[in-house]
């Protein structure tokens, strides 16, 4: 596994961990009746929605460094892909030009 892939997996696992932690806390607050339990049978959906709303800003603040590292890696990959595409296009253009010159 490459270093880039492990960084992606680590970041995703950290985001998931924050969400799961928030889910457990919100579920506990709902069980203690400190937070409304939702309407009818929508309890788990309500807890998941609240956990998502709480975990998103936490992830934004707590994982800033990891997110910046990921964006640098992605930008590097995009630049590499653009260079490779430009190289392929120039080779294709040269082959096309050569084919048009010869009768």
PDB file of N, CA and C in Angstrom:
ATOM      1  N   UNK A   1       0.850  -1.169   0.000  1.00  0.00           N
ATOM      2  CA  UNK A   1       0.000   0.000   0.000  1.00  0.00           C
ATOM      3  C   UNK A   1       0.898   1.236   0.000  1.00  0.00           C
ATOM      4  N   UNK A   2       0.580   2.197  -0.846  1.00  0.00           N
ATOM      5  CA  UNK A   2       1.409   3.383  -0.951  1.00  0.00           C
ATOM      6  C   UNK A   2       1.137   4.332   0.209  1.00  0.00           C
ATOM      7  N   UNK A   3       2.049   5.269   0.371  1.00  0.00           N
ATOM      8  CA  UNK A   3       1.911   6.258   1.436  1.00  0.00           C
ATOM      9  C   UNK A   3       0.677   7.115   1.202  1.00  0.00           C
ATOM     10  N   UNK A   4       0.393   7.430  -0.051  1.00  0.00           N
ATOM     11  CA  UNK A   4      -0.770   8.251  -0.366  1.00  0.00           C
ATOM     12  C   UNK A   4      -2.060   7.538   0.016  1.00  0.00           C
ATOM     13  N   UNK A   5      -2.147   6.272  -0.283  1.00  0.00           N
ATOM     14  CA  UNK A   5      -3.353   5.512   0.038  1.00  0.00           C
ATOM     15  C   UNK A   5      -3.528   5.402   1.552  1.00  0.00           C
ATOM     16  N   UNK A   6      -2.442   5.214   2.275  1.00  0.00           N
ATOM     17  CA  UNK A   6      -2.570   5.086   3.723  1.00  0.00           C
ATOM     18  C   UNK A   6      -2.990   6.406   4.349  1.00  0.00           C
ATOM     19  N   UNK A   7      -2.554   7.537   3.795  1.00  0.00           N
ATOM     20  CA  UNK A   7      -2.980   8.835   4.304  1.00  0.00           C
ATOM     21  C   UNK A   7      -4.472   9.028   4.066  1.00  0.00           C
ATOM     22  N   UNK A   8      -4.942   8.585   2.929  1.00  0.00           N
ATOM     23  CA  UNK A   8      -6.363   8.689   2.616  1.00  0.00           C
ATOM     24  C   UNK A   8      -7.183   7.826   3.561  1.00  0.00           C
ATOM     25  N   UNK A   9      -6.723   6.626   3.785  1.00  0.00           N
ATOM     26  CA  UNK A   9      -7.430   5.721   4.688  1.00  0.00           C
ATOM     27  C   UNK A   9      -7.402   6.258   6.118  1.00  0.00           C
ATOM     28  N   UNK A  10      -6.265   6.799   6.524  1.00  0.00           N
ATOM     29  CA  UNK A  10      -6.146   7.346   7.884  1.00  0.00           C
ATOM     30  C   UNK A  10      -7.113   8.516   8.078  1.00  0.00           C
ATOM     31  N   UNK A  11      -7.164   9.431   7.108  1.00  0.00           N
ATOM     32  CA  UNK A  11      -8.056  10.585   7.198  1.00  0.00           C
ATOM     33  C   UNK A  11      -9.513  10.138   7.249  1.00  0.00           C
ATOM     34  N   UNK A  12      -9.871   9.201   6.393  1.00  0.00           N
ATOM     35  CA  UNK A  12     -11.240   8.696   6.368  1.00  0.00           C
ATOM     36  C   UNK A  12     -11.590   8.004   7.687  1.00  0.00           C
ATOM     37  N   UNK A  13     -10.659   7.234   8.215  1.00  0.00           N
ATOM     38  CA  UNK A  13     -10.896   6.564   9.496  1.00  0.00           C
ATOM     39  C   UNK A  13     -11.059   7.572  10.625  1.00  0.00           C
ATOM     40  N   UNK A  14     -10.290   8.640  10.584  1.00  0.00           N
ATOM     41  CA  UNK A  14     -10.417   9.670  11.619  1.00  0.00           C
ATOM     42  C   UNK A  14     -11.770  10.371  11.523  1.00  0.00           C
ATOM     43  N   UNK A  15     -12.218  10.659  10.301  1.00  0.00           N
ATOM     44  CA  UNK A  15     -13.537  11.282  10.116  1.00  0.00           C
ATOM     45  C   UNK A  15     -14.636  10.346  10.621  1.00  0.00           C
ATOM     46  N   UNK A  16     -14.521   9.073  10.279  1.00  0.00           N
ATOM     47  CA  UNK A  16     -15.507   8.092  10.723  1.00  0.00           C
ATOM     48  C   UNK A  16     -15.489   7.953  12.246  1.00  0.00           C
ATOM     49  N   UNK A  17     -14.299   7.984  12.830  1.00  0.00           N
ATOM     50  CA  UNK A  17     -14.188   7.893  14.281  1.00  0.00           C
ATOM     51  C   UNK A  17     -14.859   9.057  14.991  1.00  0.00           C
ATOM     52  N   UNK A  18     -14.684  10.256  14.454  1.00  0.00           N
ATOM     53  CA  UNK A  18     -15.347  11.427  15.044  1.00  0.00           C
ATOM     54  C   UNK A  18     -16.855  11.285  14.936  1.00  0.00           C
ATOM     55  N   UNK A  19     -17.333  10.818  13.768  1.00  0.00           N
ATOM     56  CA  UNK A  19     -18.780  10.631  13.610  1.00  0.00           C
ATOM     57  C   UNK A  19     -19.313   9.590  14.593  1.00  0.00           C
ATOM     58  N   UNK A  20     -18.625   8.461  14.714  1.00  0.00           N
ATOM     59  CA  UNK A  20     -19.087   7.394  15.621  1.00  0.00           C
ATOM     60  C   UNK A  20     -19.090   7.899  17.068  1.00  0.00           C
ATOM     61  N   UNK A  21     -18.058   8.641  17.438  1.00  0.00           N
ATOM     62  CA  UNK A  21     -18.020   9.212  18.792  1.00  0.00           C
ATOM     63  C   UNK A  21     -19.191  10.151  19.036  1.00  0.00           C
ATOM     64  N   UNK A  22     -19.481  10.995  18.060  1.00  0.00           N
ATOM     65  CA  UNK A  22     -20.625  11.899  18.184  1.00  0.00           C
ATOM     66  C   UNK A  22     -21.938  11.123  18.224  1.00  0.00           C
ATOM     67  N   UNK A  23     -22.025  10.069  17.432  1.00  0.00           N
ATOM     68  CA  UNK A  23     -23.231   9.237  17.421  1.00  0.00           C
ATOM     69  C   UNK A  23     -23.480   8.645  18.808  1.00  0.00           C
ATOM     70  N   UNK A  24     -22.437   8.127  19.433  1.00  0.00           N
ATOM     71  CA  UNK A  24     -22.575   7.516  20.763  1.00  0.00           C
ATOM     72  C   UNK A  24     -22.980   8.565  21.788  1.00  0.00           C
ATOM     73  N   UNK A  25     -22.375   9.743  21.723  1.00  0.00           N
ATOM     74  CA  UNK A  25     -22.712  10.811  22.679  1.00  0.00           C
ATOM     75  C   UNK A  25     -24.157  11.258  22.487  1.00  0.00           C
ATOM     76  N   UNK A  26     -24.559  11.489  21.232  1.00  0.00           N
ATOM     77  CA  UNK A  26     -25.936  11.919  20.970  1.00  0.00           C
ATOM     78  C   UNK A  26     -26.917  10.828  21.384  1.00  0.00           C
ATOM     79  N   UNK A  27     -26.598   9.578  21.102  1.00  0.00           N
ATOM     80  CA  UNK A  27     -27.466   8.474  21.513  1.00  0.00           C
ATOM     81  C   UNK A  27     -27.621   8.456  23.032  1.00  0.00           C
ATOM     82  N   UNK A  28     -26.527   8.680  23.752  1.00  0.00           N
ATOM     83  CA  UNK A  28     -26.606   8.745  25.215  1.00  0.00           C
ATOM     84  C   UNK A  28     -27.470   9.900  25.687  1.00  0.00           C
ATOM     85  N   UNK A  29     -27.337  11.053  25.026  1.00  0.00           N
ATOM     86  CA  UNK A  29     -28.154  12.205  25.405  1.00  0.00           C
ATOM     87  C   UNK A  29     -29.639  11.960  25.112  1.00  0.00           C
ATOM     88  N   UNK A  30     -29.927  11.267  24.027  1.00  0.00           N
ATOM     89  CA  UNK A  30     -31.323  10.924  23.716  1.00  0.00           C
ATOM     90  C   UNK A  30     -31.862   9.944  24.751  1.00  0.00           C
ATOM     91  N   UNK A  31     -31.054   8.955  25.150  1.00  0.00           N
ATOM     92  CA  UNK A  31     -31.498   7.979  26.151  1.00  0.00           C
ATOM     93  C   UNK A  31     -31.749   8.637  27.507  1.00  0.00           C
ATOM     94  N   UNK A  32     -30.977   9.690  27.807  1.00  0.00           N
ATOM     95  CA  UNK A  32     -31.172  10.425  29.064  1.00  0.00           C
ATOM     96  C   UNK A  32     -32.291  11.463  28.957  1.00  0.00           C
ATOM     97  N   UNK A  33     -32.880  11.576  27.765  1.00  0.00           N
ATOM     98  CA  UNK A  33     -33.958  12.527  27.487  1.00  0.00           C
ATOM     99  C   UNK A  33     -33.495  13.975  27.626  1.00  0.00           C
ATOM    100  N   UNK A  34     -32.224  14.238  27.364  1.00  0.00           N
ATOM    101  CA  UNK A  34     -31.709  15.609  27.343  1.00  0.00           C
ATOM    102  C   UNK A  34     -31.849  16.210  25.955  1.00  0.00           C
ATOM    103  N   UNK A  35     -32.009  15.335  24.966  1.00  0.00           N
ATOM    104  CA  UNK A  35     -32.192  15.739  23.576  1.00  0.00           C
ATOM    105  C   UNK A  35     -33.451  15.033  23.091  1.00  0.00           C
ATOM    106  N   UNK A  36     -34.311  15.727  22.312  1.00  0.00           N
ATOM    107  CA  UNK A  36     -35.525  15.061  21.812  1.00  0.00           C
ATOM    108  C   UNK A  36     -35.192  13.783  21.041  1.00  0.00           C
ATOM    109  N   UNK A  37     -36.053  12.786  21.159  1.00  0.00           N
ATOM    110  CA  UNK A  37     -35.804  11.473  20.567  1.00  0.00           C
ATOM    111  C   UNK A  37     -36.284  11.355  19.137  1.00  0.00           C
ATOM    112  N   UNK A  38     -36.797  12.405  18.560  1.00  0.00           N
ATOM    113  CA  UNK A  38     -37.296  12.322  17.187  1.00  0.00           C
ATOM    114  C   UNK A  38     -38.781  12.036  17.190  1.00  0.00           C
ATOM    115  N   UNK A  39     -39.298  11.790  15.999  1.00  0.00           N
ATOM    116  CA  UNK A  39     -40.739  11.570  15.849  1.00  0.00           C
ATOM    117  C   UNK A  39     -40.982  10.103  15.494  1.00  0.00           C
ATOM    118  N   UNK A  40     -41.797   9.434  16.262  1.00  0.00           N
ATOM    119  CA  UNK A  40     -42.171   8.052  15.978  1.00  0.00           C
ATOM    120  C   UNK A  40     -40.974   7.116  15.950  1.00  0.00           C
ATOM    121  N   UNK A  41     -40.855   6.381  14.835  1.00  0.00           N
ATOM    122  CA  UNK A  41     -39.791   5.390  14.693  1.00  0.00           C
ATOM    123  C   UNK A  41     -38.508   5.983  14.095  1.00  0.00           C
ATOM    124  N   UNK A  42     -38.410   7.281  13.984  1.00  0.00           N
ATOM    125  CA  UNK A  42     -37.264   7.929  13.340  1.00  0.00           C
ATOM    126  C   UNK A  42     -36.114   8.171  14.314  1.00  0.00           C
ATOM    127  N   UNK A  43     -36.089   7.465  15.412  1.00  0.00           N
ATOM    128  CA  UNK A  43     -35.091   7.715  16.448  1.00  0.00           C
ATOM    129  C   UNK A  43     -33.660   7.570  15.931  1.00  0.00           C
ATOM    130  N   UNK A  44     -33.327   6.471  15.275  1.00  0.00           N
ATOM    131  CA  UNK A  44     -31.957   6.247  14.808  1.00  0.00           C
ATOM    132  C   UNK A  44     -31.589   7.251  13.728  1.00  0.00           C
ATOM    133  N   UNK A  45     -32.519   7.547  12.826  1.00  0.00           N
ATOM    134  CA  UNK A  45     -32.258   8.550  11.788  1.00  0.00           C
ATOM    135  C   UNK A  45     -32.016   9.913  12.425  1.00  0.00           C
ATOM    136  N   UNK A  46     -32.778  10.248  13.439  1.00  0.00           N
ATOM    137  CA  UNK A  46     -32.625  11.513  14.143  1.00  0.00           C
ATOM    138  C   UNK A  46     -31.257  11.581  14.834  1.00  0.00           C
ATOM    139  N   UNK A  47     -30.885  10.520  15.492  1.00  0.00           N
ATOM    140  CA  UNK A  47     -29.589  10.467  16.170  1.00  0.00           C
ATOM    141  C   UNK A  47     -28.456  10.584  15.150  1.00  0.00           C
ATOM    142  N   UNK A  48     -28.580   9.884  14.022  1.00  0.00           N
ATOM    143  CA  UNK A  48     -27.549   9.952  12.976  1.00  0.00           C
ATOM    144  C   UNK A  48     -27.448  11.364  12.408  1.00  0.00           C
ATOM    145  N   UNK A  49     -28.587  12.019  12.188  1.00  0.00           N
ATOM    146  CA  UNK A  49     -28.582  13.381  11.666  1.00  0.00           C
ATOM    147  C   UNK A  49     -27.930  14.343  12.653  1.00  0.00           C
ATOM    148  N   UNK A  50     -28.287  14.239  13.916  1.00  0.00           N
ATOM    149  CA  UNK A  50     -27.667  15.092  14.934  1.00  0.00           C
ATOM    150  C   UNK A  50     -26.158  14.831  15.036  1.00  0.00           C
ATOM    151  N   UNK A  51     -25.774  13.569  14.984  1.00  0.00           N
ATOM    152  CA  UNK A  51     -24.354  13.226  15.045  1.00  0.00           C
ATOM    153  C   UNK A  51     -23.610  13.799  13.850  1.00  0.00           C
ATOM    154  N   UNK A  52     -24.225  13.769  12.683  1.00  0.00           N
ATOM    155  CA  UNK A  52     -23.614  14.338  11.483  1.00  0.00           C
ATOM    156  C   UNK A  52     -23.453  15.847  11.617  1.00  0.00           C
ATOM    157  N   UNK A  53     -24.473  16.499  12.126  1.00  0.00           N
ATOM    158  CA  UNK A  53     -24.418  17.957  12.303  1.00  0.00           C
ATOM    159  C   UNK A  53     -23.346  18.340  13.317  1.00  0.00           C
ATOM    160  N   UNK A  54     -23.172  17.558  14.345  1.00  0.00           N
ATOM    161  CA  UNK A  54     -22.159  17.854  15.365  1.00  0.00           C
ATOM    162  C   UNK A  54     -20.759  17.477  14.870  1.00  0.00           C
ATOM    163  N   UNK A  55     -20.637  16.347  14.179  1.00  0.00           N
ATOM    164  CA  UNK A  55     -19.304  15.880  13.781  1.00  0.00           C
ATOM    165  C   UNK A  55     -18.699  16.679  12.634  1.00  0.00           C
ATOM    166  N   UNK A  56     -19.520  17.273  11.781  1.00  0.00           N
ATOM    167  CA  UNK A  56     -18.981  18.020  10.635  1.00  0.00           C
ATOM    168  C   UNK A  56     -18.103  19.193  11.066  1.00  0.00           C
ATOM    169  N   UNK A  57     -18.579  20.096  11.935  1.00  0.00           N
ATOM    170  CA  UNK A  57     -17.690  21.182  12.348  1.00  0.00           C
ATOM    171  C   UNK A  57     -16.507  20.703  13.195  1.00  0.00           C
ATOM    172  N   UNK A  58     -16.717  19.641  13.978  1.00  0.00           N
ATOM    173  CA  UNK A  58     -15.601  19.093  14.754  1.00  0.00           C
ATOM    174  C   UNK A  58     -14.513  18.567  13.818  1.00  0.00           C
ATOM    175  N   UNK A  59     -14.901  17.849  12.792  1.00  0.00           N
ATOM    176  CA  UNK A  59     -13.936  17.336  11.818  1.00  0.00           C
ATOM    177  C   UNK A  59     -13.235  18.476  11.105  1.00  0.00           C
ATOM    178  N   UNK A  60     -13.991  19.513  10.778  1.00  0.00           N
ATOM    179  CA  UNK A  60     -13.410  20.662  10.085  1.00  0.00           C
ATOM    180  C   UNK A  60     -12.303  21.301  10.914  1.00  0.00           C
ATOM    181  N   UNK A  61     -12.523  21.414  12.208  1.00  0.00           N
ATOM    182  CA  UNK A  61     -11.535  22.050  13.085  1.00  0.00           C
ATOM    183  C   UNK A  61     -10.425  21.076  13.478  1.00  0.00           C
ATOM    184  N   UNK A  62     -10.788  19.883  13.904  1.00  0.00           N
ATOM    185  CA  UNK A  62      -9.807  18.946  14.453  1.00  0.00           C
ATOM    186  C   UNK A  62      -8.917  18.302  13.399  1.00  0.00           C
ATOM    187  N   UNK A  63      -9.403  18.172  12.177  1.00  0.00           N
ATOM    188  CA  UNK A  63      -8.637  17.483  11.133  1.00  0.00           C
ATOM    189  C   UNK A  63      -8.097  18.441  10.071  1.00  0.00           C
ATOM    190  N   UNK A  64      -7.899  19.689  10.449  1.00  0.00           N
ATOM    191  CA  UNK A  64      -7.419  20.697   9.496  1.00  0.00           C
ATOM    192  C   UNK A  64      -6.083  20.304   8.874  1.00  0.00           C
ATOM    193  N   UNK A  65      -5.129  19.870   9.683  1.00  0.00           N
ATOM    194  CA  UNK A  65      -3.809  19.503   9.164  1.00  0.00           C
ATOM    195  C   UNK A  65      -3.909  18.314   8.207  1.00  0.00           C
ATOM    196  N   UNK A  66      -4.662  17.310   8.596  1.00  0.00           N
ATOM    197  CA  UNK A  66      -4.812  16.135   7.741  1.00  0.00           C
ATOM    198  C   UNK A  66      -5.520  16.496   6.429  1.00  0.00           C
ATOM    199  N   UNK A  67      -6.511  17.390   6.503  1.00  0.00           N
ATOM    200  CA  UNK A  67      -7.215  17.815   5.303  1.00  0.00           C
ATOM    201  C   UNK A  67      -6.290  18.593   4.374  1.00  0.00           C
ATOM    202  N   UNK A  68      -5.453  19.451   4.935  1.00  0.00           N
ATOM    203  CA  UNK A  68      -4.482  20.195   4.121  1.00  0.00           C
ATOM    204  C   UNK A  68      -3.490  19.250   3.454  1.00  0.00           C
ATOM    205  N   UNK A  69      -3.021  18.254   4.194  1.00  0.00           N
ATOM    206  CA  UNK A  69      -2.111  17.258   3.612  1.00  0.00           C
ATOM    207  C   UNK A  69      -2.783  16.506   2.470  1.00  0.00           C
ATOM    208  N   UNK A  70      -4.040  16.135   2.669  1.00  0.00           N
ATOM    209  CA  UNK A  70      -4.774  15.417   1.626  1.00  0.00           C
ATOM    210  C   UNK A  70      -4.945  16.283   0.385  1.00  0.00           C
ATOM    211  N   UNK A  71      -5.253  17.571   0.579  1.00  0.00           N
ATOM    212  CA  UNK A  71      -5.457  18.436  -0.588  1.00  0.00           C
ATOM    213  C   UNK A  71      -4.152  18.623  -1.355  1.00  0.00           C
ATOM    214  N   UNK A  72      -3.020  18.685  -0.657  1.00  0.00           N
ATOM    215  CA  UNK A  72      -1.724  18.766  -1.340  1.00  0.00           C
ATOM    216  C   UNK A  72      -1.464  17.502  -2.152  1.00  0.00           C
ATOM    217  N   UNK A  73      -1.763  16.349  -1.574  1.00  0.00           N
ATOM    218  CA  UNK A  73      -1.564  15.090  -2.290  1.00  0.00           C
ATOM    219  C   UNK A  73      -2.462  15.012  -3.519  1.00  0.00           C
ATOM    220  N   UNK A  74      -3.699  15.427  -3.357  1.00  0.00           N
ATOM    221  CA  UNK A  74      -4.635  15.385  -4.485  1.00  0.00           C
ATOM    222  C   UNK A  74      -4.195  16.359  -5.570  1.00  0.00           C
ATOM    223  N   UNK A  75      -3.757  17.558  -5.173  1.00  0.00           N
ATOM    224  CA  UNK A  75      -3.284  18.537  -6.154  1.00  0.00           C
ATOM    225  C   UNK A  75      -2.067  18.000  -6.904  1.00  0.00           C
ATOM    226  N   UNK A  76      -1.182  17.299  -6.208  1.00  0.00           N
ATOM    227  CA  UNK A  76      -0.020  16.690  -6.857  1.00  0.00           C
ATOM    228  C   UNK A  76      -0.428  15.625  -7.855  1.00  0.00           C
ATOM    229  N   UNK A  77      -1.410  14.813  -7.477  1.00  0.00           N
ATOM    230  CA  UNK A  77      -1.894  13.770  -8.392  1.00  0.00           C
ATOM    231  C   UNK A  77      -2.556  14.381  -9.629  1.00  0.00           C
ATOM    232  N   UNK A  78      -3.319  15.444  -9.428  1.00  0.00           N
ATOM    233  CA  UNK A  78      -3.987  16.101 -10.551  1.00  0.00           C
ATOM    234  C   UNK A  78      -2.948  16.712 -11.485  1.00  0.00           C
ATOM    235  N   UNK A  79      -1.931  17.350 -10.917  1.00  0.00           N
ATOM    236  CA  UNK A  79      -0.875  17.938 -11.750  1.00  0.00           C
ATOM    237  C   UNK A  79      -0.145  16.856 -12.547  1.00  0.00           C
ATOM    238  N   UNK A  80       0.136  15.732 -11.912  1.00  0.00           N
ATOM    239  CA  UNK A  80       0.789  14.618 -12.608  1.00  0.00           C
ATOM    240  C   UNK A  80      -0.074  14.073 -13.729  1.00  0.00           C
ATOM    241  N   UNK A  81      -1.373  13.965 -13.475  1.00  0.00           N
ATOM    242  CA  UNK A  81      -2.295  13.462 -14.502  1.00  0.00           C
ATOM    243  C   UNK A  81      -2.379  14.440 -15.670  1.00  0.00           C
ATOM    244  N   UNK A  82      -2.379  15.741 -15.371  1.00  0.00           N
ATOM    245  CA  UNK A  82      -2.420  16.747 -16.439  1.00  0.00           C
ATOM    246  C   UNK A  82      -1.159  16.686 -17.288  1.00  0.00           C
ATOM    247  N   UNK A  83       0.000  16.520 -16.641  1.00  0.00           N
ATOM    248  CA  UNK A  83       1.257  16.409 -17.383  1.00  0.00           C
ATOM    249  C   UNK A  83       1.255  15.176 -18.289  1.00  0.00           C
ATOM    250  N   UNK A  84       0.778  14.074 -17.755  1.00  0.00           N
ATOM    251  CA  UNK A  84       0.729  12.843 -18.539  1.00  0.00           C
ATOM    252  C   UNK A  84      -0.225  12.996 -19.720  1.00  0.00           C
ATOM    253  N   UNK A  85      -1.368  13.633 -19.489  1.00  0.00           N
ATOM    254  CA  UNK A  85      -2.324  13.864 -20.563  1.00  0.00           C
ATOM    255  C   UNK A  85      -1.736  14.779 -21.628  1.00  0.00           C
ATOM    256  N   UNK A  86      -1.047  15.834 -21.207  1.00  0.00           N
ATOM    257  CA  UNK A  86      -0.425  16.746 -22.167  1.00  0.00           C
ATOM    258  C   UNK A  86       0.652  16.022 -22.975  1.00  0.00           C
ATOM    259  N   UNK A  87       1.414  15.167 -22.327  1.00  0.00           N
ATOM    260  CA  UNK A  87       2.443  14.387 -23.017  1.00  0.00           C
ATOM    261  C   UNK A  87       1.816  13.460 -24.052  1.00  0.00           C
ATOM    262  N   UNK A  88       0.748  12.792 -23.664  1.00  0.00           N
ATOM    263  CA  UNK A  88       0.048  11.897 -24.590  1.00  0.00           C
ATOM    264  C   UNK A  88      -0.538  12.668 -25.771  1.00  0.00           C
ATOM    265  N   UNK A  89      -1.075  13.843 -25.497  1.00  0.00           N
ATOM    266  CA  UNK A  89      -1.642  14.653 -26.579  1.00  0.00           C
ATOM    267  C   UNK A  89      -0.561  15.098 -27.548  1.00  0.00           C
ATOM    268  N   UNK A  90       0.591  15.505 -27.020  1.00  0.00           N
ATOM    269  CA  UNK A  90       1.661  15.965 -27.911  1.00  0.00           C
ATOM    270  C   UNK A  90       2.189  14.814 -28.770  1.00  0.00           C
ATOM    271  N   UNK A  91       2.277  13.618 -28.204  1.00  0.00           N
ATOM    272  CA  UNK A  91       2.701  12.455 -28.987  1.00  0.00           C
ATOM    273  C   UNK A  91       1.667  12.134 -30.062  1.00  0.00           C
ATOM    274  N   UNK A  92       0.405  12.237 -29.699  1.00  0.00           N
ATOM    275  CA  UNK A  92      -0.665  11.956 -30.655  1.00  0.00           C
ATOM    276  C   UNK A  92      -0.670  13.011 -31.764  1.00  0.00           C
ATOM    277  N   UNK A  93      -0.467  14.277 -31.398  1.00  0.00           N
ATOM    278  CA  UNK A  93      -0.417  15.341 -32.408  1.00  0.00           C
ATOM    279  C   UNK A  93       0.760  15.138 -33.358  1.00  0.00           C
ATOM    280  N   UNK A  94       1.908  14.743 -32.811  1.00  0.00           N
ATOM    281  CA  UNK A  94       3.087  14.516 -33.650  1.00  0.00           C
ATOM    282  C   UNK A  94       2.844  13.355 -34.610  1.00  0.00           C
ATOM    283  N   UNK A  95       2.215  12.302 -34.133  1.00  0.00           N
ATOM    284  CA  UNK A  95       1.925  11.147 -34.993  1.00  0.00           C
ATOM    285  C   UNK A  95       0.910  11.541 -36.066  1.00  0.00           C
ATOM    286  N   UNK A  96      -0.069  12.352 -35.700  1.00  0.00           N
ATOM    287  CA  UNK A  96      -1.065  12.801 -36.663  1.00  0.00           C
ATOM    288  C   UNK A  96      -0.427  13.697 -37.733  1.00  0.00           C
ATOM    289  N   UNK A  97       0.444  14.610 -37.294  1.00  0.00           N
ATOM    290  CA  UNK A  97       1.147  15.474 -38.244  1.00  0.00           C
ATOM    291  C   UNK A  97       2.016  14.662 -39.195  1.00  0.00           C
ATOM    292  N   UNK A  98       2.691  13.664 -38.661  1.00  0.00           N
ATOM    293  CA  UNK A  98       3.565  12.811 -39.489  1.00  0.00           C
ATOM    294  C   UNK A  98       2.736  12.028 -40.497  1.00  0.00           C
ATOM    295  N   UNK A  99       1.562  11.597 -40.101  1.00  0.00           N
ATOM    296  CA  UNK A  99       0.705  10.819 -40.991  1.00  0.00           C
ATOM    297  C   UNK A  99       0.153  11.701 -42.118  1.00  0.00           C
ATOM    298  N   UNK A 100      -0.076  12.966 -41.832  1.00  0.00           N
ATOM    299  CA  UNK A 100      -0.610  13.866 -42.849  1.00  0.00           C
ATOM    300  C   UNK A 100       0.447  14.291 -43.870  1.00  0.00           C
ATOM    301  N   UNK A 101       1.713  14.330 -43.446  1.00  0.00           N
ATOM    302  CA  UNK A 101       2.802  14.754 -44.323  1.00  0.00           C
ATOM    303  C   UNK A 101       3.101  13.680 -45.371  1.00  0.00           C
ATOM    304  N   UNK A 102       3.147  12.438 -44.957  1.00  0.00           N
ATOM    305  CA  UNK A 102       3.487  11.366 -45.890  1.00  0.00           C
ATOM    306  C   UNK A 102       2.282  11.023 -46.770  1.00  0.00           C
ATOM    307  N   UNK A 103       2.511  10.923 -48.076  1.00  0.00           N
ATOM    308  CA  UNK A 103       1.398  10.620 -48.990  1.00  0.00           C
ATOM    309  C   UNK A 103       0.987   9.185 -48.978  1.00  0.00           C
TER     310      UNK A 103
END
